């Protein structure tokens, strides 16, 4: 009985306090902070969640996994093929997108509905690419008391992703520009291009399932190319743009890890062989080479680190400065460069591959070279024309034209050879861009042939391979045990392990 007396006393005290204070709430309400959530606010959060990047060392985990670099500070598991567990998709944001549509004014419903469909498809596609089967159809039924959602098969996930993207494109086509989008200005024309590019990426990720009669991969791809609005230049990129303002700096700018990344010999030697000027923008001259008298504009000034070697080999090289770090523009140029999630360069490589595979008509070489040129143009646009950032090897239009005419990069009509060249150039263009894109493309195609050393590999059950997935999180086993175990049994014979092939890879 006492707790109720105390509660009544507290309530009475609160009433007296409120009466004595009068308009206390009005006085203490910050007029610059919204007190009600709106569709605009939710839209901003949803879009930002797709574009946000990890900072510091975490920003480079995908680069370590894809063998772009080693690490001087200590041994990092991704360099040595050590994968672990990861969580499911960002369902919280997807639920917020539902609320965004519910709160929208009638005139904005189509645009916000298109955005909601896209965010859901985008986030759950990548979650499925990490793990395999995930909740999709039951994932947003918490208000219907579905607290332990069943897992859809990966094929069913991909079917629903493709359908949601088609609906998103149609909704944006029927919509007007909307508020709450500081990234592409709420332009439904640009959003149609973003959706189309992502559709092409999803479909190309299904290349091993191109003949599946239910998914109709090739037919969908050809229809999008012939009838949808595609990106036309780097101006259409879906990217996070940074600045020199506090809280808006490039994710690897001026931090305690700035000297730790050691660019791999795999990447450096590949670019040296092709005389690719992007190397002068990607890497920094080796301090040891400069001290030995090699000039900063020489190809020989770049020294890569063999990512196959144990950290005990990397450490002395790091201490002695006998390696090339990432270019200073990533560390010390405060605005940095935008980080692209979906872009014009990537779209062109996908189209080139589609032509080679016979999915669409067209000139594969034209798409391929447009992809390379878009990558080079992007770098020039976002790099100050100072020697410290390109060592005097500026990528002029003439340099770019000469590179595109170089015999060693030309497509020849050999299907597998051309696919390897396309994916290799996509790999080079993805340096510090398109997070995890290079890993997933390697996993799908085997290109480029990333260096692996069984002697240093942390991939216990397949020393000569890079893992092909992450394991489900321990939280999922704690809170949705029956469904996750059913999904693991269905896909992997009950063995939730990093080398198990998910449906999309079979």
Protein backbone atom coordinates (compact mmCIF):
# COMPACT_ATOMS: atom_id res chain seq x y z
CA UNK A 1 0.00 0.00 0.00
CA UNK A 2 2.90 2.37 0.73
CA UNK A 3 4.12 2.48 -2.89
CA UNK A 4 0.74 3.84 -4.03
CA UNK A 5 0.79 6.51 -1.31
CA UNK A 6 4.31 7.52 -2.46
CA UNK A 7 3.19 7.60 -6.08
CA UNK A 8 0.21 9.82 -5.17
CA UNK A 9 2.49 12.13 -3.23
CA UNK A 10 4.86 12.37 -6.19
CA UNK A 11 2.03 13.17 -8.57
CA UNK A 12 0.68 15.83 -6.20
CA UNK A 13 4.13 17.38 -5.89
CA UNK A 14 4.47 17.41 -9.67
CA UNK A 15 1.10 19.19 -10.05
CA UNK A 16 2.08 21.81 -7.45
CA UNK A 17 5.49 22.25 -9.15
CA UNK A 18 3.92 22.71 -12.57
CA UNK A 19 1.39 25.18 -11.20
CA UNK A 20 4.08 27.24 -9.48
CA UNK A 21 6.27 27.30 -12.56
CA UNK A 22 3.53 28.42 -14.93
CA UNK A 23 4.84 28.27 -18.50
CA UNK A 24 8.09 26.47 -17.54
CA UNK A 25 7.91 24.15 -20.58
CA UNK A 26 7.46 27.05 -22.96
CA UNK A 27 10.43 28.88 -21.46
CA UNK A 28 12.69 25.81 -21.67
CA UNK A 29 11.78 24.65 -25.16
CA UNK A 30 14.57 25.26 -27.66
CA UNK A 31 12.93 26.87 -30.71
CA UNK A 32 15.70 25.48 -32.94
CA UNK A 33 15.04 21.85 -31.97
CA UNK A 34 11.93 20.16 -33.44
CA UNK A 35 9.54 18.68 -30.89
CA UNK A 36 7.71 16.47 -33.39
CA UNK A 37 9.12 14.02 -35.88
CA UNK A 38 8.24 14.66 -39.53
CA UNK A 39 8.50 12.88 -42.85
CA UNK A 40 11.30 15.25 -43.82
CA UNK A 41 13.36 14.39 -40.75
CA UNK A 42 12.86 10.66 -41.22
CA UNK A 43 13.80 10.93 -44.89
CA UNK A 44 17.07 12.66 -43.98
CA UNK A 45 17.91 9.95 -41.46
CA UNK A 46 17.06 7.15 -43.86
CA UNK A 47 19.19 8.49 -46.71
CA UNK A 48 22.09 9.37 -44.42
CA UNK A 49 22.07 5.84 -42.99
CA UNK A 50 22.82 4.46 -46.47
CA UNK A 51 25.65 6.92 -47.11
CA UNK A 52 27.33 7.05 -43.72
CA UNK A 53 30.79 5.56 -43.38
CA UNK A 54 32.80 4.21 -40.48
CA UNK A 55 35.68 6.40 -39.41
CA UNK A 56 39.33 5.82 -38.58
CA UNK A 57 40.66 2.29 -38.94
CA UNK A 58 37.17 0.80 -39.43
CA UNK A 59 36.82 2.82 -42.63
CA UNK A 60 39.58 0.70 -44.17
CA UNK A 61 38.43 -2.79 -43.19
CA UNK A 62 36.98 -3.38 -46.66
CA UNK A 63 40.28 -2.26 -48.21
CA UNK A 64 42.16 -4.75 -46.03
CA UNK A 65 39.78 -7.57 -46.94
CA UNK A 66 40.17 -6.81 -50.66
CA UNK A 67 43.98 -6.71 -50.44
CA UNK A 68 44.39 -3.05 -51.26
CA UNK A 69 46.57 -2.59 -48.19
CA UNK A 70 48.34 -3.98 -45.14
CA UNK A 71 48.50 -2.30 -41.73
CA UNK A 72 51.57 -1.05 -39.91
CA UNK A 73 50.25 -0.70 -36.37
CA UNK A 74 49.33 -4.31 -35.69
CA UNK A 75 47.94 -7.51 -37.16
CA UNK A 76 44.44 -7.00 -38.60
CA UNK A 77 42.32 -10.10 -39.20
CA UNK A 78 40.76 -8.93 -42.49
CA UNK A 79 44.20 -8.80 -44.12
CA UNK A 80 44.73 -12.44 -43.21
CA UNK A 81 41.27 -13.72 -44.17
CA UNK A 82 39.79 -13.72 -40.70
CA UNK A 83 36.03 -13.15 -40.90
CA UNK A 84 33.65 -13.24 -37.91
CA UNK A 85 29.99 -12.53 -37.16
CA UNK A 86 27.75 -9.70 -38.25
CA UNK A 87 24.28 -8.51 -37.41
CA UNK A 88 21.18 -8.44 -39.57
CA UNK A 89 20.14 -5.36 -41.52
CA UNK A 90 19.16 -1.97 -40.14
CA UNK A 91 15.52 -2.83 -39.49
CA UNK A 92 15.10 0.17 -37.20
CA UNK A 93 15.64 2.58 -40.10
CA UNK A 94 13.33 0.53 -42.33
CA UNK A 95 10.58 0.85 -39.72
CA UNK A 96 11.23 4.61 -39.60
CA UNK A 97 10.69 4.69 -43.36
CA UNK A 98 7.24 3.18 -42.85
CA UNK A 99 6.46 5.93 -40.33
CA UNK A 100 7.77 8.51 -42.83
CA UNK A 101 5.13 7.42 -45.34
CA UNK A 102 2.38 7.38 -42.72
CA UNK A 103 3.18 10.97 -41.71
CA UNK A 104 3.48 12.28 -45.26
CA UNK A 105 1.08 14.77 -46.78
CA UNK A 106 -0.93 13.39 -49.67
CA UNK A 107 1.15 15.25 -52.27
CA UNK A 108 4.35 13.64 -50.96
CA UNK A 109 3.17 10.06 -50.43
CA UNK A 110 4.46 8.77 -53.78
CA UNK A 111 7.97 10.18 -53.29
CA UNK A 112 8.32 9.03 -49.70
CA UNK A 113 6.88 5.63 -50.58
CA UNK A 114 9.47 5.31 -53.33
CA UNK A 115 12.21 6.20 -50.89
CA UNK A 116 10.89 3.73 -48.29
CA UNK A 117 10.89 0.90 -50.82
CA UNK A 118 14.42 1.75 -51.89
CA UNK A 119 15.84 1.96 -48.36
CA UNK A 120 14.31 -1.40 -47.47
CA UNK A 121 15.59 -3.10 -50.62
CA UNK A 122 19.04 -1.52 -50.32
CA UNK A 123 19.64 -2.44 -46.70
CA UNK A 124 18.25 -5.96 -46.81
CA UNK A 125 20.03 -6.78 -50.07
CA UNK A 126 23.39 -6.06 -48.45
CA UNK A 127 22.42 -7.95 -45.32
CA UNK A 128 21.58 -10.99 -47.44
CA UNK A 129 24.85 -10.62 -49.33
CA UNK A 130 26.66 -10.84 -45.99
CA UNK A 131 24.77 -13.79 -44.54
CA UNK A 132 22.43 -15.58 -46.97
CA UNK A 133 18.85 -16.12 -45.79
CA UNK A 134 17.41 -13.25 -43.70
CA UNK A 135 13.99 -12.07 -42.49
CA UNK A 136 12.28 -10.04 -45.22
CA UNK A 137 8.55 -10.67 -45.53
CA UNK A 138 8.08 -10.89 -41.72
CA UNK A 139 10.75 -8.39 -40.79
CA UNK A 140 8.50 -5.37 -40.19
CA UNK A 141 5.61 -6.98 -38.39
CA UNK A 142 6.55 -6.07 -34.84
CA UNK A 143 3.31 -4.12 -34.39
CA UNK A 144 1.50 -7.31 -35.36
CA UNK A 145 3.30 -9.10 -32.51
CA UNK A 146 5.69 -10.94 -34.87
CA UNK A 147 8.73 -10.58 -32.62
CA UNK A 148 10.64 -13.57 -33.97
CA UNK A 149 10.44 -13.27 -37.76
CA UNK A 150 11.00 -16.26 -39.99
CA UNK A 151 13.88 -16.25 -42.45
CA UNK A 152 13.13 -16.02 -46.16
CA UNK A 153 15.36 -17.99 -48.51
CA UNK A 154 17.96 -15.88 -50.28
CA UNK A 155 16.20 -16.47 -53.58
CA UNK A 156 12.97 -15.15 -52.10
CA UNK A 157 14.84 -12.18 -50.60
CA UNK A 158 16.28 -11.31 -54.01
CA UNK A 159 12.87 -11.64 -55.66
CA UNK A 160 11.35 -9.27 -53.11
CA UNK A 161 14.30 -6.85 -53.44
CA UNK A 162 13.79 -6.69 -57.21
CA UNK A 163 10.06 -6.17 -56.83
CA UNK A 164 10.53 -3.41 -54.25
CA UNK A 165 13.03 -1.68 -56.53
CA UNK A 166 10.62 -1.84 -59.48
CA UNK A 167 7.88 -0.34 -57.31
CA UNK A 168 10.32 2.31 -56.04
CA UNK A 169 11.17 3.35 -59.60
CA UNK A 170 7.48 3.54 -60.56
CA UNK A 171 6.64 5.58 -57.46
CA UNK A 172 9.45 8.06 -58.12
CA UNK A 173 8.27 8.30 -61.73
CA UNK A 174 4.82 9.38 -60.51
CA UNK A 175 6.12 11.69 -57.76
CA UNK A 176 7.24 15.28 -57.36
CA UNK A 177 10.49 16.40 -55.76
CA UNK A 178 10.43 16.06 -51.98
CA UNK A 179 11.94 17.68 -48.90
CA UNK A 180 14.33 16.19 -46.37
CA UNK A 181 17.02 15.11 -48.82
CA UNK A 182 20.22 17.17 -48.45
CA UNK A 183 22.16 14.69 -50.58
CA UNK A 184 20.55 14.83 -54.06
CA UNK A 185 18.07 17.59 -53.32
CA UNK A 186 15.00 15.39 -53.31
CA UNK A 187 15.12 15.22 -57.11
CA UNK A 188 12.92 12.34 -58.23
CA UNK A 189 14.77 12.34 -61.57
CA UNK A 190 18.05 11.65 -59.77
CA UNK A 191 16.37 9.08 -57.56
CA UNK A 192 15.16 7.19 -60.63
CA UNK A 193 18.76 7.04 -61.80
CA UNK A 194 19.93 5.82 -58.39
CA UNK A 195 17.26 3.13 -58.31
CA UNK A 196 18.09 2.01 -61.86
CA UNK A 197 21.80 1.72 -61.12
CA UNK A 198 21.11 -0.30 -58.01
CA UNK A 199 18.75 -2.58 -59.94
CA UNK A 200 21.54 -3.29 -62.40
CA UNK A 201 23.95 -4.01 -59.57
CA UNK A 202 21.54 -6.42 -57.89
CA UNK A 203 20.88 -8.22 -61.17
CA UNK A 204 24.57 -8.51 -62.01
CA UNK A 205 25.18 -9.94 -58.52
CA UNK A 206 22.80 -12.71 -59.66
CA UNK A 207 24.92 -13.61 -62.68
CA UNK A 208 25.21 -17.22 -61.52
CA UNK A 209 21.38 -17.34 -61.53
CA UNK A 210 20.95 -15.66 -64.89
CA UNK A 211 18.79 -18.49 -66.24
CA UNK A 212 16.52 -18.82 -63.22
CA UNK A 213 12.97 -18.84 -64.69
CA UNK A 214 11.44 -17.16 -61.65
CA UNK A 215 13.87 -14.23 -61.36
CA UNK A 216 14.23 -13.53 -65.11
CA UNK A 217 17.56 -11.81 -64.51
CA UNK A 218 18.55 -11.16 -68.12
CA UNK A 219 15.07 -10.04 -69.13
CA UNK A 220 14.83 -7.60 -66.23
CA UNK A 221 18.30 -6.23 -66.95
CA UNK A 222 17.55 -5.63 -70.64
CA UNK A 223 14.24 -3.96 -69.81
CA UNK A 224 15.87 -1.52 -67.38
CA UNK A 225 18.56 -0.58 -69.88
CA UNK A 226 16.03 0.00 -72.66
CA UNK A 227 13.30 1.81 -70.74
CA UNK A 228 14.61 3.29 -67.48
CA UNK A 229 16.54 6.46 -66.72
CA UNK A 230 20.21 5.67 -66.10
CA UNK A 231 23.08 7.76 -64.71
CA UNK A 232 24.64 10.02 -67.30
CA UNK A 233 27.72 11.36 -65.52
CA UNK A 234 29.47 11.59 -62.15
CA UNK A 235 26.98 14.34 -61.27
CA UNK A 236 24.41 11.57 -60.74
CA UNK A 237 26.52 9.64 -58.20
CA UNK A 238 24.86 8.57 -54.96
CA UNK A 239 27.63 9.66 -52.61
CA UNK A 240 28.47 11.24 -49.29
CA UNK A 241 30.17 14.61 -49.77
CA UNK A 242 32.43 15.87 -46.99
CA UNK A 243 33.76 19.32 -46.12
CA UNK A 244 36.34 21.05 -43.94
CA UNK A 245 33.81 21.77 -41.19
CA UNK A 246 33.88 20.03 -37.82
CA UNK A 247 31.75 16.89 -37.89
CA UNK A 248 31.79 16.77 -41.69
CA UNK A 249 35.37 15.70 -42.35
CA UNK A 250 36.38 12.84 -44.63
CA UNK A 251 36.33 9.59 -42.55
CA UNK A 252 40.12 9.05 -42.67
CA UNK A 253 41.12 12.68 -42.34
CA UNK A 254 43.86 13.71 -39.90
CA UNK A 255 43.45 10.88 -37.41
CA UNK A 256 45.74 8.77 -35.26
CA UNK A 257 45.84 5.99 -37.88
CA UNK A 258 46.95 8.18 -40.80
CA UNK A 259 50.38 6.56 -41.24
CA UNK A 260 49.33 2.93 -40.74
CA UNK A 261 47.90 1.89 -44.13
CA UNK A 262 50.57 0.31 -46.34
CA UNK A 263 49.38 0.10 -49.96
CA UNK A 264 49.76 -3.43 -51.29
CA UNK A 265 52.26 -4.50 -53.91
CA UNK A 266 49.33 -6.29 -55.55
CA UNK A 267 47.67 -2.96 -56.39
CA UNK A 268 50.85 -0.93 -56.95
CA UNK A 269 52.48 -3.45 -59.29
CA UNK A 270 49.26 -3.80 -61.28
CA UNK A 271 49.05 -0.02 -61.77
CA UNK A 272 52.76 0.32 -62.55
CA UNK A 273 52.46 -2.31 -65.24
CA UNK A 274 49.64 -0.38 -66.90
CA UNK A 275 51.29 3.03 -66.32
CA UNK A 276 48.08 4.12 -64.59
CA UNK A 277 48.42 7.72 -63.36
CA UNK A 278 45.81 7.08 -60.67
CA UNK A 279 48.64 5.50 -58.69
CA UNK A 280 50.10 8.98 -58.09
CA UNK A 281 46.76 9.99 -56.55
CA UNK A 282 46.20 6.78 -54.60
CA UNK A 283 49.59 6.26 -52.95
CA UNK A 284 52.37 8.29 -51.38
CA UNK A 285 56.05 7.98 -52.33
CA UNK A 286 58.07 5.66 -50.14
CA UNK A 287 60.17 7.65 -47.68
CA UNK A 288 63.03 5.22 -48.13
CA UNK A 289 62.97 5.65 -51.90
CA UNK A 290 62.95 9.42 -51.63
CA UNK A 291 65.93 9.29 -49.27
CA UNK A 292 67.69 7.04 -51.80
CA UNK A 293 67.34 9.75 -54.43
CA UNK A 294 64.35 8.47 -56.40
CA UNK A 295 62.26 11.43 -57.56
CA UNK A 296 58.64 11.78 -56.46
CA UNK A 297 57.36 11.64 -60.05
CA UNK A 298 59.06 8.29 -60.78
CA UNK A 299 57.10 5.05 -60.92
CA UNK A 300 59.93 3.53 -58.87
CA UNK A 301 59.14 5.75 -55.90
CA UNK A 302 56.17 3.56 -55.05
CA UNK A 303 56.89 0.40 -53.06
CA UNK A 304 54.05 -1.91 -52.18
CA UNK A 305 53.75 -4.31 -49.26
CA UNK A 306 53.11 -8.00 -49.86
CA UNK A 307 49.83 -8.63 -48.03
CA UNK A 308 50.52 -12.37 -48.05
CA UNK A 309 53.37 -11.96 -45.59
CA UNK A 310 52.99 -12.22 -41.83
CA UNK A 311 52.80 -9.06 -39.73
CA UNK A 312 56.28 -9.82 -38.44
CA UNK A 313 57.49 -9.02 -41.98
CA UNK A 314 55.30 -5.93 -42.34
CA UNK A 315 56.42 -4.32 -39.06
CA UNK A 316 60.12 -3.73 -39.94
CA UNK A 317 59.15 -2.32 -43.34
CA UNK A 318 56.70 -0.01 -41.61
CA UNK A 319 59.29 1.20 -39.09
CA UNK A 320 61.88 1.79 -41.83
CA UNK A 321 59.44 3.62 -44.13
CA UNK A 322 60.08 1.11 -46.91
CA UNK A 323 56.53 1.22 -48.24
CA UNK A 324 53.99 3.56 -49.78
CA UNK A 325 51.25 4.88 -47.54
CA UNK A 326 47.95 6.20 -48.89
CA UNK A 327 48.15 9.60 -50.57
CA UNK A 328 48.09 12.68 -48.35
CA UNK A 329 44.79 13.76 -49.85
CA UNK A 330 43.09 11.00 -47.85
CA UNK A 331 44.80 12.07 -44.61
CA UNK A 332 45.36 15.80 -44.69
CA UNK A 333 43.16 17.41 -47.36
CA UNK A 334 40.31 18.27 -45.01
CA UNK A 335 37.32 18.03 -47.37
CA UNK A 336 38.68 14.75 -48.74
CA UNK A 337 36.69 13.30 -51.61
CA UNK A 338 33.08 12.05 -51.69
CA UNK A 339 32.60 8.37 -50.93
CA UNK A 340 30.43 6.81 -53.64
CA UNK A 341 27.88 4.09 -52.91
CA UNK A 342 26.32 3.89 -56.37
CA UNK A 343 28.02 5.64 -59.24
CA UNK A 344 28.34 6.32 -62.93
CA UNK A 345 31.71 4.56 -63.22
CA UNK A 346 30.36 1.42 -61.56
CA UNK A 347 27.24 1.50 -63.75
CA UNK A 348 29.38 1.51 -66.89
CA UNK A 349 31.44 -1.48 -65.78
CA UNK A 350 28.21 -3.37 -65.08
CA UNK A 351 26.87 -2.50 -68.53
CA UNK A 352 30.14 -3.56 -70.15
CA UNK A 353 29.97 -6.93 -68.42
CA UNK A 354 26.33 -7.34 -69.43
CA UNK A 355 27.26 -6.85 -73.10
CA UNK A 356 30.09 -9.40 -72.82
CA UNK A 357 27.69 -11.88 -71.19
CA UNK A 358 25.17 -11.33 -73.99
CA UNK A 359 22.45 -9.86 -71.78
CA UNK A 360 22.17 -6.65 -73.80
CA UNK A 361 23.33 -5.34 -77.15
CA UNK A 362 25.93 -2.59 -77.37
CA UNK A 363 29.66 -1.92 -77.41
CA UNK A 364 31.28 -3.38 -74.31
CA UNK A 365 34.48 -1.44 -74.95
CA UNK A 366 32.65 1.88 -74.95
CA UNK A 367 30.99 1.20 -71.60
CA UNK A 368 34.25 -0.16 -70.19
CA UNK A 369 36.25 2.91 -71.16
CA UNK A 370 33.53 5.25 -69.94
CA UNK A 371 33.83 3.51 -66.59
CA UNK A 372 37.60 4.08 -66.46
CA UNK A 373 37.30 7.67 -67.63
CA UNK A 374 34.58 8.43 -65.07
CA UNK A 375 36.88 7.13 -62.33
CA UNK A 376 39.76 9.31 -63.51
CA UNK A 377 37.56 12.39 -64.00
CA UNK A 378 36.18 11.98 -60.49
CA UNK A 379 39.67 11.88 -58.97
CA UNK A 380 40.79 14.99 -60.87
CA UNK A 381 37.65 16.91 -59.88
CA UNK A 382 38.06 16.24 -56.17
CA UNK A 383 41.85 16.56 -55.86
CA UNK A 384 43.55 19.97 -55.59
CA UNK A 385 46.03 20.53 -58.41
CA UNK A 386 49.07 20.47 -56.13
CA UNK A 387 52.20 18.37 -56.49
CA UNK A 388 51.84 16.95 -53.00
CA UNK A 389 48.67 15.17 -54.16
CA UNK A 390 49.83 13.91 -57.59
CA UNK A 391 53.65 14.24 -57.54
CA UNK A 392 53.54 16.33 -60.73
CA UNK A 393 51.83 13.52 -62.67
CA UNK A 394 48.54 15.29 -63.25
CA UNK A 395 45.83 13.37 -65.08
CA UNK A 396 45.16 15.73 -67.95
CA UNK A 397 42.64 14.92 -70.69
CA UNK A 398 45.59 13.86 -72.85
CA UNK A 399 46.91 11.49 -70.19
CA UNK A 400 43.47 9.93 -69.80
CA UNK A 401 43.07 9.57 -73.55
CA UNK A 402 46.47 7.91 -73.87
CA UNK A 403 45.64 5.46 -71.09
CA UNK A 404 42.36 4.48 -72.72
CA UNK A 405 44.26 3.75 -75.95
CA UNK A 406 46.85 1.57 -74.23
CA UNK A 407 46.98 -1.90 -75.84
CA UNK A 408 47.22 -3.83 -72.56
CA UNK A 409 43.80 -2.73 -71.31
CA UNK A 410 41.82 -3.30 -74.52
CA UNK A 411 38.98 -5.81 -74.65
CA UNK A 412 39.66 -8.51 -77.24
CA UNK A 413 36.39 -10.41 -77.66
CA UNK A 414 37.48 -13.30 -75.46
CA UNK A 415 34.55 -13.57 -73.03
CA UNK A 416 36.34 -14.68 -69.88
CA UNK A 417 39.39 -12.54 -70.59
CA UNK A 418 37.23 -9.46 -71.12
CA UNK A 419 35.27 -10.08 -67.92
CA UNK A 420 38.57 -10.29 -66.04
CA UNK A 421 39.71 -6.96 -67.50
CA UNK A 422 36.39 -5.28 -66.68
CA UNK A 423 36.38 -6.51 -63.08
CA UNK A 424 40.06 -5.62 -62.69
CA UNK A 425 39.44 -2.04 -63.79
CA UNK A 426 36.38 -1.93 -61.55
CA UNK A 427 38.66 -3.07 -58.71
CA UNK A 428 41.20 -0.31 -59.40
CA UNK A 429 38.40 2.26 -59.62
CA UNK A 430 36.99 1.11 -56.26
CA UNK A 431 40.08 2.06 -54.24
CA UNK A 432 38.78 3.93 -51.15
CA UNK A 433 35.36 3.93 -52.87
CA UNK A 434 32.26 1.71 -53.12
CA UNK A 435 32.83 0.06 -49.71
CA UNK A 436 32.96 -3.76 -49.97
CA UNK A 437 32.16 -3.69 -53.70
CA UNK A 438 35.56 -5.16 -54.64
CA UNK A 439 35.16 -8.03 -52.17
CA UNK A 440 31.72 -9.00 -53.43
CA UNK A 441 32.84 -8.80 -57.06
CA UNK A 442 35.83 -11.02 -56.31
CA UNK A 443 33.55 -13.45 -54.53
CA UNK A 444 31.24 -13.53 -57.56
CA UNK A 445 33.81 -13.69 -60.37
CA UNK A 446 37.17 -14.65 -58.89
CA UNK A 447 38.69 -11.45 -60.31
CA UNK A 448 41.13 -9.97 -59.85
CA UNK A 449 42.96 -12.99 -58.52
CA UNK A 450 43.67 -11.74 -55.00
CA UNK A 451 46.88 -12.94 -53.30
CA UNK A 452 46.43 -15.64 -50.64
CA UNK A 453 49.07 -17.30 -48.49
CA UNK A 454 47.88 -20.45 -46.65
CA UNK A 455 50.75 -20.06 -44.20
CA UNK A 456 49.41 -16.75 -42.86
CA UNK A 457 45.70 -17.35 -43.39
CA UNK A 458 43.29 -17.16 -40.44
CA UNK A 459 40.65 -18.97 -42.47
CA UNK A 460 41.01 -22.17 -40.45
CA UNK A 461 38.84 -24.47 -42.57
CA UNK A 462 40.06 -23.27 -45.98
CA UNK A 463 43.57 -21.88 -45.73
CA UNK A 464 43.84 -21.28 -49.47
CA UNK A 465 40.60 -19.28 -49.76
CA UNK A 466 39.10 -15.96 -48.76
CA UNK A 467 35.89 -16.45 -46.71
CA UNK A 468 32.66 -16.05 -48.66
CA UNK A 469 30.32 -14.91 -45.88
CA UNK A 470 29.96 -13.79 -42.30
CA UNK A 471 28.31 -15.85 -39.57
CA UNK A 472 25.01 -14.88 -37.94
CA UNK A 473 25.31 -12.79 -34.77
CA UNK A 474 25.12 -14.30 -31.31
CA UNK A 475 22.21 -11.94 -30.58
CA UNK A 476 20.16 -13.63 -33.24
CA UNK A 477 20.87 -17.02 -31.69
CA UNK A 478 19.78 -15.61 -28.33
CA UNK A 479 16.54 -13.95 -29.41
CA UNK A 480 15.42 -15.77 -32.56
CA UNK A 481 17.12 -19.13 -32.05
CA UNK A 482 14.55 -21.40 -33.71
CA UNK A 483 14.36 -19.40 -36.92
CA UNK A 484 18.06 -18.76 -37.36
CA UNK A 485 18.90 -22.41 -36.71
CA UNK A 486 16.29 -23.45 -39.27
CA UNK A 487 17.87 -21.08 -41.80
CA UNK A 488 21.38 -22.41 -41.12
CA UNK A 489 20.17 -26.00 -41.45
CA UNK A 490 18.42 -25.23 -44.72
CA UNK A 491 21.37 -23.42 -46.28
CA UNK A 492 24.50 -24.85 -44.75
CA UNK A 493 23.60 -28.23 -43.33
CA UNK A 494 23.58 -26.73 -39.85
CA UNK A 495 27.14 -25.39 -40.11
CA UNK A 496 27.18 -21.60 -39.69
CA UNK A 497 30.70 -21.14 -41.04
CA UNK A 498 32.46 -18.55 -43.21
CA UNK A 499 33.26 -20.85 -46.14
CA UNK A 500 29.73 -22.14 -46.67
CA UNK A 501 28.33 -21.17 -50.07
CA UNK A 502 25.09 -19.22 -50.00
CA UNK A 503 22.50 -19.73 -52.72
CA UNK A 504 23.61 -16.74 -54.81
CA UNK A 505 27.10 -18.25 -55.23
CA UNK A 506 26.04 -21.73 -56.32
